[in-house]
Amino acid sequence: MNTIHPMQNNSSFRPNKKTVRKKNNPLRDSKVVDYLNPKFLSRFTNDQGKILPRRITGVNAYQQRQIAKAIKYSRHLALLSFVAQDIA
């Protein structure tokens, strides 16, 4: 019998291997992130108000630093909230 069990070493079967899909960059080739646009910046925060990491948003490292700085500026100017609003 020449059948190979899927869990043997010389098999190409990988049960826990996930396929990674590349995220589309929402900023594309833009060099400037506007801190006065809270609707756009809210795309990069979660429902608790935390800044999302770049592996989730799909931006590059330079753009992620710009986004983080813009979110912090707009929070300081009270355009974005620091935390989520309580609904009671």
Protein backbone atom coordinates (compact mmCIF):
# COMPACT_ATOMS: atom_id res chain seq x y z
CA MET A 1 0.00 0.00 0.00
CA ASN A 2 1.43 3.34 -1.06
CA THR A 3 -1.13 5.54 0.66
CA ILE A 4 0.34 8.17 2.92
CA HIS A 5 -1.45 9.18 6.07
CA PRO A 6 -2.16 12.95 6.06
CA MET A 7 -0.34 13.46 9.36
CA GLN A 8 2.98 12.00 8.18
CA ASN A 9 5.99 14.27 7.61
CA ASN A 10 6.35 14.00 3.83
CA SER A 11 2.77 15.07 3.23
CA SER A 12 1.74 18.50 1.94
CA PHE A 13 -1.44 18.46 4.04
CA ARG A 14 -1.49 21.21 6.68
CA PRO A 15 -4.65 21.25 8.78
CA ASN A 16 -3.98 24.40 10.85
CA LYS A 17 -2.50 26.59 8.09
CA LYS A 18 -4.67 29.63 7.39
CA THR A 19 -4.53 31.53 4.13
CA VAL A 20 -3.61 35.16 4.65
CA ARG A 21 -5.36 37.68 2.44
CA LYS A 22 -3.74 41.05 1.84
CA LYS A 23 -5.84 43.95 3.10
CA ASN A 24 -6.64 46.84 0.78
CA ASN A 25 -4.95 50.03 1.88
CA PRO A 26 -7.72 52.57 2.63
CA LEU A 27 -5.29 55.49 2.25
CA ARG A 28 -3.81 54.22 -1.03
CA ASP A 29 -0.95 56.59 -1.98
CA SER A 30 -2.09 59.50 0.18
CA LYS A 31 0.73 61.23 2.04
CA VAL A 32 -1.43 63.37 4.35
CA VAL A 33 -3.87 62.26 7.04
CA ASP A 34 -6.26 65.05 8.06
CA TYR A 35 -6.89 65.24 11.81
CA LEU A 36 -9.92 67.50 11.25
CA ASN A 37 -11.92 64.68 9.63
CA PRO A 38 -13.30 62.61 12.55
CA LYS A 39 -15.56 60.47 10.35
CA PHE A 40 -12.56 59.19 8.40
CA LEU A 41 -10.46 58.69 11.54
CA SER A 42 -13.23 56.72 13.23
CA ARG A 43 -12.59 53.96 10.67
CA PHE A 44 -9.28 53.33 12.43
CA THR A 45 -10.73 53.02 15.95
CA ASN A 46 -12.82 50.23 17.41
CA ASP A 47 -16.10 50.60 19.28
CA GLN A 48 -14.23 51.18 22.55
CA GLY A 49 -12.22 54.05 21.05
CA LYS A 50 -8.93 52.16 20.79
CA ILE A 51 -6.68 52.67 17.77
CA LEU A 52 -6.71 49.57 15.56
CA PRO A 53 -3.38 47.93 14.65
CA ARG A 54 -2.13 48.07 11.09
CA ARG A 55 -2.51 44.33 10.55
CA ILE A 56 -6.25 44.90 10.80
CA THR A 57 -6.52 48.23 8.95
CA GLY A 58 -4.11 47.32 6.13
CA VAL A 59 -2.05 50.52 6.12
CA ASN A 60 1.74 50.63 6.05
CA ALA A 61 3.90 51.59 9.04
CA TYR A 62 4.40 55.21 8.00
CA GLN A 63 0.68 55.73 7.50
CA GLN A 64 -0.11 54.00 10.80
CA ARG A 65 2.09 56.47 12.67
CA GLN A 66 0.36 59.37 10.90
CA ILE A 67 -3.08 57.95 11.73
CA ALA A 68 -2.19 57.47 15.39
CA LYS A 69 -0.90 61.03 15.64
CA ALA A 70 -3.97 62.43 13.84
CA ILE A 71 -6.33 60.51 16.15
CA LYS A 72 -4.52 61.84 19.20
CA TYR A 73 -4.67 65.42 17.86
CA SER A 74 -8.38 65.15 17.12
CA ARG A 75 -9.02 63.69 20.57
CA HIS A 76 -7.19 66.63 22.10
CA LEU A 77 -9.35 69.04 20.09
CA ALA A 78 -12.48 67.11 21.21
CA LEU A 79 -13.37 66.04 17.66
CA LEU A 80 -13.07 62.36 18.64
CA SER A 81 -13.89 60.92 22.03
CA PHE A 82 -11.23 59.20 24.11
CA VAL A 83 -13.54 56.35 25.09
CA ALA A 84 -16.85 54.99 23.84
CA GLN A 85 -19.99 56.73 24.99
CA ASP A 86 -22.17 54.86 27.46
CA ILE A 87 -25.66 54.14 26.23
CA ALA A 88 -27.91 54.03 29.28
